Amino acid sequence: LAPVYATANIACDHNQLIMILMRQIAKRHGLACLLHE
């Protein structure tokens, strides 16, 4: 998933939200989202 760029501190907040929602929404679809490197 690639977002449009934003100011650095806002982009960091957005990235945290992206990772949180990825895990939550994956569960609703019977999936597991792996964010390990």
Full PDB file with SEQRES, HELIX, SHEET, SSBOND, CRYST1, ORIGX, SCALE, CONECT and MASTER records, all heavy atoms in Angstrom:
SEQRES   1 A   37  LEU ALA PRO VAL TYR ALA THR ALA ASN ILE ALA CYS ASP          
SEQRES   2 A   37  HIS ASN GLN LEU ILE MET ILE LEU MET ARG GLN ILE ALA          
SEQRES   3 A   37  LYS ARG HIS GLY LEU ALA CYS LEU LEU HIS GLU                  
HELIX    1 AA1 ALA A    8  ARG A   28  1                                  21    
CRYST1    1.000    1.000    1.000  90.00  90.00  90.00 P 1           1          
ORIGX1      1.000000  0.000000  0.000000        0.00000                         
ORIGX2      0.000000  1.000000  0.000000        0.00000                         
ORIGX3      0.000000  0.000000  1.000000        0.00000                         
SCALE1      1.000000  0.000000  0.000000        0.00000                         
SCALE2      0.000000  1.000000  0.000000        0.00000                         
SCALE3      0.000000  0.000000  1.000000        0.00000                         
ATOM      1  N   LEU A   1       0.859  -1.181   0.000  1.00  0.00           N  
ATOM      2  CA  LEU A   1       0.000   0.000   0.000  1.00  0.00           C  
ATOM      3  C   LEU A   1       0.891   1.226   0.000  1.00  0.00           C  
ATOM      4  O   LEU A   1       1.769   1.362   0.863  1.00  0.00           O  
ATOM      5  CB  LEU A   1      -0.917   0.002   1.222  1.00  0.00           C  
ATOM      6  CG  LEU A   1      -1.939   1.143   1.335  1.00  0.00           C  
ATOM      7  CD1 LEU A   1      -3.165   0.679   2.112  1.00  0.00           C  
ATOM      8  CD2 LEU A   1      -1.352   2.378   2.025  1.00  0.00           C  
ATOM      9  N   ALA A   2       0.677   2.121  -0.951  1.00  0.00           N  
ATOM     10  CA  ALA A   2       1.492   3.336  -1.057  1.00  0.00           C  
ATOM     11  C   ALA A   2       0.602   4.560  -0.904  1.00  0.00           C  
ATOM     12  O   ALA A   2      -0.340   4.742  -1.676  1.00  0.00           O  
ATOM     13  CB  ALA A   2       2.226   3.383  -2.392  1.00  0.00           C  
ATOM     14  N   PRO A   3       0.871   5.418   0.093  1.00  0.00           N  
ATOM     15  CA  PRO A   3       0.094   6.648   0.266  1.00  0.00           C  
ATOM     16  C   PRO A   3       0.719   7.819  -0.488  1.00  0.00           C  
ATOM     17  O   PRO A   3       1.882   7.755  -0.910  1.00  0.00           O  
ATOM     18  CB  PRO A   3       0.158   6.885   1.773  1.00  0.00           C  
ATOM     19  CG  PRO A   3       1.531   6.370   2.142  1.00  0.00           C  
ATOM     20  CD  PRO A   3       1.823   5.224   1.194  1.00  0.00           C  
ATOM     21  N   VAL A   4      -0.048   8.883  -0.639  1.00  0.00           N  
ATOM     22  CA  VAL A   4       0.498  10.143  -1.125  1.00  0.00           C  
ATOM     23  C   VAL A   4       1.363  10.732  -0.010  1.00  0.00           C  
ATOM     24  O   VAL A   4       1.045  10.590   1.173  1.00  0.00           O  
ATOM     25  CB  VAL A   4      -0.635  11.117  -1.504  1.00  0.00           C  
ATOM     26  CG1 VAL A   4      -0.081  12.453  -1.973  1.00  0.00           C  
ATOM     27  CG2 VAL A   4      -1.513  10.495  -2.589  1.00  0.00           C  
ATOM     28  N   TYR A   5       2.459  11.381  -0.378  1.00  0.00           N  
ATOM     29  CA  TYR A   5       3.368  11.924   0.636  1.00  0.00           C  
ATOM     30  C   TYR A   5       2.679  12.991   1.491  1.00  0.00           C  
ATOM     31  O   TYR A   5       1.711  13.641   1.084  1.00  0.00           O  
ATOM     32  CB  TYR A   5       4.617  12.505  -0.022  1.00  0.00           C  
ATOM     33  CG  TYR A   5       4.374  13.764  -0.830  1.00  0.00           C  
ATOM     34  CD1 TYR A   5       4.456  15.014  -0.240  1.00  0.00           C  
ATOM     35  CD2 TYR A   5       4.047  13.695  -2.185  1.00  0.00           C  
ATOM     36  CE1 TYR A   5       4.225  16.174  -0.967  1.00  0.00           C  
ATOM     37  CE2 TYR A   5       3.810  14.846  -2.917  1.00  0.00           C  
ATOM     38  CZ  TYR A   5       3.912  16.078  -2.297  1.00  0.00           C  
ATOM     39  OH  TYR A   5       3.663  17.225  -3.018  1.00  0.00           O  
ATOM     40  N   ALA A   6       3.194  13.158   2.702  1.00  0.00           N  
ATOM     41  CA  ALA A   6       2.683  14.176   3.626  1.00  0.00           C  
ATOM     42  C   ALA A   6       3.859  14.691   4.443  1.00  0.00           C  
ATOM     43  O   ALA A   6       4.980  14.176   4.358  1.00  0.00           O  
ATOM     44  CB  ALA A   6       1.604  13.595   4.530  1.00  0.00           C  
ATOM     45  N   THR A   7       3.615  15.726   5.251  1.00  0.00           N  
ATOM     46  CA  THR A   7       4.641  16.202   6.174  1.00  0.00           C  
ATOM     47  C   THR A   7       5.107  15.038   7.041  1.00  0.00           C  
ATOM     48  O   THR A   7       4.308  14.193   7.449  1.00  0.00           O  
ATOM     49  CB  THR A   7       4.073  17.335   7.058  1.00  0.00           C  
ATOM     50  OG1 THR A   7       3.557  18.364   6.204  1.00  0.00           O  
ATOM     51  CG2 THR A   7       5.150  17.918   7.943  1.00  0.00           C  
ATOM     52  N   ALA A   8       6.399  15.001   7.377  1.00  0.00           N  
ATOM     53  CA  ALA A   8       7.018  13.809   7.958  1.00  0.00           C  
ATOM     54  C   ALA A   8       6.300  13.307   9.213  1.00  0.00           C  
ATOM     55  O   ALA A   8       6.044  12.106   9.343  1.00  0.00           O  
ATOM     56  CB  ALA A   8       8.486  14.097   8.271  1.00  0.00           C  
ATOM     57  N   ASN A   9       5.965  14.205  10.153  1.00  0.00           N  
ATOM     58  CA  ASN A   9       5.337  13.729  11.387  1.00  0.00           C  
ATOM     59  C   ASN A   9       3.922  13.208  11.124  1.00  0.00           C  
ATOM     60  O   ASN A   9       3.493  12.223  11.738  1.00  0.00           O  
ATOM     61  CB  ASN A   9       5.314  14.827  12.445  1.00  0.00           C  
ATOM     62  CG  ASN A   9       4.528  16.053  12.030  1.00  0.00           C  
ATOM     63  OD1 ASN A   9       4.658  16.543  10.907  1.00  0.00           O  
ATOM     64  ND2 ASN A   9       3.693  16.564  12.919  1.00  0.00           N  
ATOM     65  N   ILE A  10       3.200  13.836  10.196  1.00  0.00           N  
ATOM     66  CA  ILE A  10       1.863  13.350   9.847  1.00  0.00           C  
ATOM     67  C   ILE A  10       1.966  12.015   9.115  1.00  0.00           C  
ATOM     68  O   ILE A  10       1.168  11.096   9.344  1.00  0.00           O  
ATOM     69  CB  ILE A  10       1.118  14.393   8.989  1.00  0.00           C  
ATOM     70  CG1 ILE A  10       0.918  15.683   9.788  1.00  0.00           C  
ATOM     71  CG2 ILE A  10      -0.212  13.854   8.498  1.00  0.00           C  
ATOM     72  CD1 ILE A  10       0.261  16.798   8.997  1.00  0.00           C  
ATOM     73  N   ALA A  11       2.957  11.883   8.236  1.00  0.00           N  
ATOM     74  CA  ALA A  11       3.152  10.628   7.510  1.00  0.00           C  
ATOM     75  C   ALA A  11       3.451   9.478   8.473  1.00  0.00           C  
ATOM     76  O   ALA A  11       2.995   8.349   8.261  1.00  0.00           O  
ATOM     77  CB  ALA A  11       4.288  10.777   6.496  1.00  0.00           C  
ATOM     78  N   CYS A  12       4.214   9.759   9.536  1.00  0.00           N  
ATOM     79  CA  CYS A  12       4.501   8.723  10.536  1.00  0.00           C  
ATOM     80  C   CYS A  12       3.232   8.318  11.281  1.00  0.00           C  
ATOM     81  O   CYS A  12       3.008   7.126  11.535  1.00  0.00           O  
ATOM     82  CB  CYS A  12       5.557   9.218  11.515  1.00  0.00           C  
ATOM     83  SG  CYS A  12       7.203   9.374  10.804  1.00  0.00           S  
ATOM     84  N   ASP A  13       2.399   9.306  11.644  1.00  0.00           N  
ATOM     85  CA  ASP A  13       1.116   8.985  12.273  1.00  0.00           C  
ATOM     86  C   ASP A  13       0.252   8.153  11.336  1.00  0.00           C  
ATOM     87  O   ASP A  13      -0.383   7.174  11.757  1.00  0.00           O  
ATOM     88  CB  ASP A  13       0.379  10.274  12.655  1.00  0.00           C  
ATOM     89  CG  ASP A  13       1.020  10.993  13.833  1.00  0.00           C  
ATOM     90  OD1 ASP A  13       1.875  10.376  14.500  1.00  0.00           O  
ATOM     91  OD2 ASP A  13       0.670  12.157  14.082  1.00  0.00           O  
ATOM     92  N   HIS A  14       0.220   8.531  10.067  1.00  0.00           N  
ATOM     93  CA  HIS A  14      -0.560   7.783   9.086  1.00  0.00           C  
ATOM     94  C   HIS A  14      -0.060   6.342   8.970  1.00  0.00           C  
ATOM     95  O   HIS A  14      -0.863   5.402   8.875  1.00  0.00           O  
ATOM     96  CB  HIS A  14      -0.481   8.460   7.719  1.00  0.00           C  
ATOM     97  CG  HIS A  14      -1.308   9.704   7.618  1.00  0.00           C  
ATOM     98  ND1 HIS A  14      -1.268  10.549   6.524  1.00  0.00           N  
ATOM     99  CD2 HIS A  14      -2.207  10.251   8.472  1.00  0.00           C  
ATOM    100  CE1 HIS A  14      -2.109  11.554   6.713  1.00  0.00           C  
ATOM    101  NE2 HIS A  14      -2.679  11.396   7.878  1.00  0.00           N  
ATOM    102  N   ASN A  15       1.252   6.160   8.987  1.00  0.00           N  
ATOM    103  CA  ASN A  15       1.786   4.812   8.836  1.00  0.00           C  
ATOM    104  C   ASN A  15       1.418   3.931  10.022  1.00  0.00           C  
ATOM    105  O   ASN A  15       1.133   2.739   9.856  1.00  0.00           O  
ATOM    106  CB  ASN A  15       3.303   4.866   8.657  1.00  0.00           C  
ATOM    107  CG  ASN A  15       3.897   3.508   8.346  1.00  0.00           C  
ATOM    108  OD1 ASN A  15       4.577   2.913   9.169  1.00  0.00           O  
ATOM    109  ND2 ASN A  15       3.628   2.986   7.157  1.00  0.00           N  
ATOM    110  N   GLN A  16       1.402   4.510  11.220  1.00  0.00           N  
ATOM    111  CA  GLN A  16       0.962   3.741  12.386  1.00  0.00           C  
ATOM    112  C   GLN A  16      -0.495   3.317  12.228  1.00  0.00           C  
ATOM    113  O   GLN A  16      -0.864   2.180  12.535  1.00  0.00           O  
ATOM    114  CB  GLN A  16       1.141   4.574  13.658  1.00  0.00           C  
ATOM    115  CG  GLN A  16       2.585   4.847  14.040  1.00  0.00           C  
ATOM    116  CD  GLN A  16       3.324   3.606  14.497  1.00  0.00           C  
ATOM    117  OE1 GLN A  16       2.714   2.605  14.879  1.00  0.00           O  
ATOM    118  NE2 GLN A  16       4.642   3.646  14.467  1.00  0.00           N  
ATOM    119  N   LEU A  17      -1.332   4.234  11.739  1.00  0.00           N  
ATOM    120  CA  LEU A  17      -2.739   3.909  11.517  1.00  0.00           C  
ATOM    121  C   LEU A  17      -2.895   2.820  10.453  1.00  0.00           C  
ATOM    122  O   LEU A  17      -3.740   1.930  10.575  1.00  0.00           O  
ATOM    123  CB  LEU A  17      -3.509   5.157  11.092  1.00  0.00           C  
ATOM    124  CG  LEU A  17      -3.849   6.158  12.197  1.00  0.00           C  
ATOM    125  CD1 LEU A  17      -4.451   7.424  11.592  1.00  0.00           C  
ATOM    126  CD2 LEU A  17      -4.808   5.550  13.198  1.00  0.00           C  
ATOM    127  N   ILE A  18      -2.089   2.911   9.398  1.00  0.00           N  
ATOM    128  CA  ILE A  18      -2.148   1.905   8.336  1.00  0.00           C  
ATOM    129  C   ILE A  18      -1.872   0.513   8.908  1.00  0.00           C  
ATOM    130  O   ILE A  18      -2.609  -0.446   8.643  1.00  0.00           O  
ATOM    131  CB  ILE A  18      -1.138   2.240   7.220  1.00  0.00           C  
ATOM    132  CG1 ILE A  18      -1.622   3.445   6.408  1.00  0.00           C  
ATOM    133  CG2 ILE A  18      -0.924   1.029   6.302  1.00  0.00           C  
ATOM    134  CD1 ILE A  18      -0.601   3.986   5.425  1.00  0.00           C  
ATOM    135  N   MET A  19      -0.834   0.382   9.718  1.00  0.00           N  
ATOM    136  CA  MET A  19      -0.475  -0.926  10.271  1.00  0.00           C  
ATOM    137  C   MET A  19      -1.537  -1.432  11.237  1.00  0.00           C  
ATOM    138  O   MET A  19      -1.860  -2.629  11.261  1.00  0.00           O  
ATOM    139  CB  MET A  19       0.895  -0.848  10.940  1.00  0.00           C  
ATOM    140  CG  MET A  19       2.043  -0.615   9.968  1.00  0.00           C  
ATOM    141  SD  MET A  19       3.675  -0.765  10.721  1.00  0.00           S  
ATOM    142  CE  MET A  19       3.706   0.694  11.772  1.00  0.00           C  
ATOM    143  N   ILE A  20      -2.101  -0.533  12.054  1.00  0.00           N  
ATOM    144  CA  ILE A  20      -3.155  -0.929  13.003  1.00  0.00           C  
ATOM    145  C   ILE A  20      -4.377  -1.442  12.253  1.00  0.00           C  
ATOM    146  O   ILE A  20      -4.928  -2.513  12.570  1.00  0.00           O  
ATOM    147  CB  ILE A  20      -3.525   0.261  13.911  1.00  0.00           C  
ATOM    148  CG1 ILE A  20      -2.379   0.584  14.878  1.00  0.00           C  
ATOM    149  CG2 ILE A  20      -4.808  -0.036  14.698  1.00  0.00           C  
ATOM    150  CD1 ILE A  20      -2.573   1.874  15.649  1.00  0.00           C  
ATOM    151  N   LEU A  21      -4.819  -0.681  11.251  1.00  0.00           N  
ATOM    152  CA  LEU A  21      -6.024  -1.067  10.517  1.00  0.00           C  
ATOM    153  C   LEU A  21      -5.808  -2.303   9.661  1.00  0.00           C  
ATOM    154  O   LEU A  21      -6.732  -3.098   9.468  1.00  0.00           O  
ATOM    155  CB  LEU A  21      -6.500   0.102   9.657  1.00  0.00           C  
ATOM    156  CG  LEU A  21      -7.148   1.256  10.427  1.00  0.00           C  
ATOM    157  CD1 LEU A  21      -7.464   2.420   9.496  1.00  0.00           C  
ATOM    158  CD2 LEU A  21      -8.418   0.799  11.127  1.00  0.00           C  
ATOM    159  N   MET A  22      -4.608  -2.487   9.135  1.00  0.00           N  
ATOM    160  CA  MET A  22      -4.326  -3.700   8.357  1.00  0.00           C  
ATOM    161  C   MET A  22      -4.588  -4.951   9.191  1.00  0.00           C  
ATOM    162  O   MET A  22      -5.241  -5.900   8.736  1.00  0.00           O  
ATOM    163  CB  MET A  22      -2.871  -3.695   7.880  1.00  0.00           C  
ATOM    164  CG  MET A  22      -2.628  -2.879   6.630  1.00  0.00           C  
ATOM    165  SD  MET A  22      -0.894  -2.942   6.141  1.00  0.00           S  
ATOM    166  CE  MET A  22      -0.995  -2.138   4.541  1.00  0.00           C  
ATOM    167  N   ARG A  23      -4.098  -4.946  10.429  1.00  0.00           N  
ATOM    168  CA  ARG A  23      -4.284  -6.117  11.293  1.00  0.00           C  
ATOM    169  C   ARG A  23      -5.759  -6.310  11.646  1.00  0.00           C  
ATOM    170  O   ARG A  23      -6.271  -7.435  11.642  1.00  0.00           O  
ATOM    171  CB  ARG A  23      -3.452  -5.954  12.561  1.00  0.00           C  
ATOM    172  CG  ARG A  23      -1.947  -6.074  12.350  1.00  0.00           C  
ATOM    173  CD  ARG A  23      -1.254  -6.207  13.691  1.00  0.00           C  
ATOM    174  NE  ARG A  23       0.177  -6.408  13.572  1.00  0.00           N  
ATOM    175  CZ  ARG A  23       1.080  -5.455  13.816  1.00  0.00           C  
ATOM    176  NH1 ARG A  23       0.688  -4.246  14.164  1.00  0.00           N  
ATOM    177  NH2 ARG A  23       2.372  -5.704  13.704  1.00  0.00           N  
ATOM    178  N   GLN A  24      -6.444  -5.210  11.973  1.00  0.00           N  
ATOM    179  CA  GLN A  24      -7.844  -5.312  12.374  1.00  0.00           C  
ATOM    180  C   GLN A  24      -8.729  -5.801  11.235  1.00  0.00           C  
ATOM    181  O   GLN A  24      -9.560  -6.705  11.416  1.00  0.00           O  
ATOM    182  CB  GLN A  24      -8.337  -3.941  12.862  1.00  0.00           C  
ATOM    183  CG  GLN A  24      -7.750  -3.488  14.186  1.00  0.00           C  
ATOM    184  CD  GLN A  24      -8.270  -2.122  14.607  1.00  0.00           C  
ATOM    185  OE1 GLN A  24      -8.912  -1.426  13.836  1.00  0.00           O  
ATOM    186  NE2 GLN A  24      -7.972  -1.727  15.832  1.00  0.00           N  
ATOM    187  N   ILE A  25      -8.568  -5.213  10.067  1.00  0.00           N  
ATOM    188  CA  ILE A  25      -9.444  -5.543   8.935  1.00  0.00           C  
ATOM    189  C   ILE A  25      -9.140  -6.931   8.389  1.00  0.00           C  
ATOM    190  O   ILE A  25     -10.039  -7.640   7.921  1.00  0.00           O  
ATOM    191  CB  ILE A  25      -9.320  -4.454   7.850  1.00  0.00           C  
ATOM    192  CG1 ILE A  25      -9.868  -3.128   8.396  1.00  0.00           C  
ATOM    193  CG2 ILE A  25     -10.060  -4.847   6.579  1.00  0.00           C  
ATOM    194  CD1 ILE A  25      -9.624  -1.935   7.497  1.00  0.00           C  
ATOM    195  N   ALA A  26      -7.875  -7.354   8.448  1.00  0.00           N  
ATOM    196  CA  ALA A  26      -7.529  -8.706   7.976  1.00  0.00           C  
ATOM    197  C   ALA A  26      -8.305  -9.757   8.755  1.00  0.00           C  
ATOM    198  O   ALA A  26      -8.780 -10.747   8.179  1.00  0.00           O  
ATOM    199  CB  ALA A  26      -6.026  -8.932   8.108  1.00  0.00           C  
ATOM    200  N   LYS A  27      -8.480  -9.554  10.064  1.00  0.00           N  
ATOM    201  CA  LYS A  27      -9.223 -10.525  10.873  1.00  0.00           C  
ATOM    202  C   LYS A  27     -10.659 -10.664  10.387  1.00  0.00           C  
ATOM    203  O   LYS A  27     -11.220 -11.762  10.386  1.00  0.00           O  
ATOM    204  CB  LYS A  27      -9.211 -10.089  12.343  1.00  0.00           C  
ATOM    205  CG  LYS A  27      -7.888 -10.269  13.051  1.00  0.00           C  
ATOM    206  CD  LYS A  27      -8.010  -9.874  14.518  1.00  0.00           C  
ATOM    207  CE  LYS A  27      -6.687 -10.059  15.247  1.00  0.00           C  
ATOM    208  NZ  LYS A  27      -6.782  -9.667  16.673  1.00  0.00           N  
ATOM    209  N   ARG A  28     -11.266  -9.543   9.993  1.00  0.00           N  
ATOM    210  CA  ARG A  28     -12.656  -9.577   9.545  1.00  0.00           C  
ATOM    211  C   ARG A  28     -12.817 -10.349   8.240  1.00  0.00           C  
ATOM    212  O   ARG A  28     -13.925 -10.743   7.879  1.00  0.00           O  
ATOM    213  CB  ARG A  28     -13.191  -8.150   9.390  1.00  0.00           C  
ATOM    214  CG  ARG A  28     -13.202  -7.370  10.683  1.00  0.00           C  
ATOM    215  CD  ARG A  28     -14.245  -6.265  10.649  1.00  0.00           C  
ATOM    216  NE  ARG A  28     -13.845  -5.121   9.866  1.00  0.00           N  
ATOM    217  CZ  ARG A  28     -13.311  -4.008  10.377  1.00  0.00           C  
ATOM    218  NH1 ARG A  28     -13.093  -3.917  11.697  1.00  0.00           N  
ATOM    219  NH2 ARG A  28     -12.991  -2.993   9.613  1.00  0.00           N  
ATOM    220  N   HIS A  29     -11.717 -10.541   7.507  1.00  0.00           N  
ATOM    221  CA  HIS A  29     -11.763 -11.273   6.238  1.00  0.00           C  
ATOM    222  C   HIS A  29     -11.167 -12.673   6.369  1.00  0.00           C  
ATOM    223  O   HIS A  29     -10.865 -13.312   5.355  1.00  0.00           O  
ATOM    224  CB  HIS A  29     -11.024 -10.473   5.162  1.00  0.00           C  
ATOM    225  CG  HIS A  29     -11.724  -9.216   4.752  1.00  0.00           C  
ATOM    226  ND1 HIS A  29     -12.530  -9.142   3.630  1.00  0.00           N  
ATOM    227  CD2 HIS A  29     -11.772  -7.994   5.328  1.00  0.00           C  
ATOM    228  CE1 HIS A  29     -13.031  -7.916   3.527  1.00  0.00           C  
ATOM    229  NE2 HIS A  29     -12.580  -7.197   4.538  1.00  0.00           N  
ATOM    230  N   GLY A  30     -10.979 -13.132   7.614  1.00  0.00           N  
ATOM    231  CA  GLY A  30     -10.424 -14.460   7.824  1.00  0.00           C  
ATOM    232  C   GLY A  30      -8.969 -14.570   7.444  1.00  0.00           C  
ATOM    233  O   GLY A  30      -8.474 -15.654   7.118  1.00  0.00           O  
ATOM    234  N   LEU A  31      -8.251 -13.439   7.496  1.00  0.00           N  
ATOM    235  CA  LEU A  31      -6.842 -13.402   7.123  1.00  0.00           C  
ATOM    236  C   LEU A  31      -5.989 -12.950   8.306  1.00  0.00           C  
ATOM    237  O   LEU A  31      -6.502 -12.398   9.290  1.00  0.00           O  
ATOM    238  CB  LEU A  31      -6.627 -12.434   5.949  1.00  0.00           C  
ATOM    239  CG  LEU A  31      -7.387 -12.745   4.657  1.00  0.00           C  
ATOM    240  CD1 LEU A  31      -7.330 -11.536   3.715  1.00  0.00           C  
ATOM    241  CD2 LEU A  31      -6.794 -13.974   3.973  1.00  0.00           C  
ATOM    242  N   ALA A  32      -4.712 -13.160   8.206  1.00  0.00           N  
ATOM    243  CA  ALA A  32      -3.746 -12.625   9.165  1.00  0.00           C  
ATOM    244  C   ALA A  32      -2.763 -11.756   8.396  1.00  0.00           C  
ATOM    245  O   ALA A  32      -2.227 -12.179   7.367  1.00  0.00           O  
ATOM    246  CB  ALA A  32      -3.009 -13.748   9.891  1.00  0.00           C  
ATOM    247  N   CYS A  33      -2.556 -10.525   8.869  1.00  0.00           N  
ATOM    248  CA  CYS A  33      -1.623  -9.597   8.225  1.00  0.00           C  
ATOM    249  C   CYS A  33      -0.289  -9.672   8.941  1.00  0.00           C  
ATOM    250  O   CYS A  33      -0.207  -9.419  10.154  1.00  0.00           O  
ATOM    251  CB  CYS A  33      -2.183  -8.172   8.274  1.00  0.00           C  
ATOM    252  SG  CYS A  33      -1.082  -6.942   7.549  1.00  0.00           S  
ATOM    253  N   LEU A  34       0.760 -10.025   8.219  1.00  0.00           N  
ATOM    254  CA  LEU A  34       2.104 -10.155   8.785  1.00  0.00           C  
ATOM    255  C   LEU A  34       2.915  -8.920   8.408  1.00  0.00           C  
ATOM    256  O   LEU A  34       3.129  -8.651   7.226  1.00  0.00           O  
ATOM    257  CB  LEU A  34       2.792 -11.414   8.254  1.00  0.00           C  
ATOM    258  CG  LEU A  34       2.030 -12.737   8.428  1.00  0.00           C  
ATOM    259  CD1 LEU A  34       2.850 -13.890   7.863  1.00  0.00           C  
ATOM    260  CD2 LEU A  34       1.701 -12.979   9.895  1.00  0.00           C  
ATOM    261  N   LEU A  35       3.359  -8.185   9.423  1.00  0.00           N  
ATOM    262  CA  LEU A  35       4.137  -6.969   9.197  1.00  0.00           C  
ATOM    263  C   LEU A  35       5.602  -7.142   9.577  1.00  0.00           C  
ATOM    264  O   LEU A  35       6.360  -6.176   9.549  1.00  0.00           O  
ATOM    265  CB  LEU A  35       3.524  -5.809   9.986  1.00  0.00           C  
ATOM    266  CG  LEU A  35       2.114  -5.391   9.539  1.00  0.00           C  
ATOM    267  CD1 LEU A  35       1.538  -4.359  10.495  1.00  0.00           C  
ATOM    268  CD2 LEU A  35       2.132  -4.833   8.127  1.00  0.00           C  
ATOM    269  N   HIS A  36       5.990  -8.350   9.942  1.00  0.00           N  
ATOM    270  CA  HIS A  36       7.399  -8.625  10.233  1.00  0.00           C  
ATOM    271  C   HIS A  36       8.234  -8.381   8.982  1.00  0.00           C  
ATOM    272  O   HIS A  36       7.784  -8.607   7.859  1.00  0.00           O  
ATOM    273  CB  HIS A  36       7.561 -10.071  10.708  1.00  0.00           C  
ATOM    274  CG  HIS A  36       8.902 -10.363  11.316  1.00  0.00           C  
ATOM    275  ND1 HIS A  36      10.025 -10.572  10.550  1.00  0.00           N  
ATOM    276  CD2 HIS A  36       9.292 -10.466  12.610  1.00  0.00           C  
ATOM    277  CE1 HIS A  36      11.062 -10.811  11.353  1.00  0.00           C  
ATOM    278  NE2 HIS A  36      10.640 -10.750  12.606  1.00  0.00           N  
ATOM    279  N   GLU A  37       9.465  -7.890   9.202  1.00  0.00           N  
ATOM    280  CA  GLU A  37      10.306  -7.557   8.052  1.00  0.00           C  
ATOM    281  C   GLU A  37      10.696  -8.776   7.221  1.00  0.00           C  
ATOM    282  O   GLU A  37      10.968  -8.654   6.019  1.00  0.00           O  
ATOM    283  CB  GLU A  37      11.584  -6.849   8.530  1.00  0.00           C  
ATOM    284  CG  GLU A  37      11.354  -5.466   9.107  1.00  0.00           C  
ATOM    285  CD  GLU A  37      11.046  -5.477  10.586  1.00  0.00           C  
ATOM    286  OE1 GLU A  37      10.728  -6.556  11.124  1.00  0.00           O  
ATOM    287  OE2 GLU A  37      11.108  -4.415  11.223  1.00  0.00           O  
TER     288      GLU A  37                                                      
MASTER        0    0    0    1    0    0    0    6  287    1    0    3          
END                                                                             
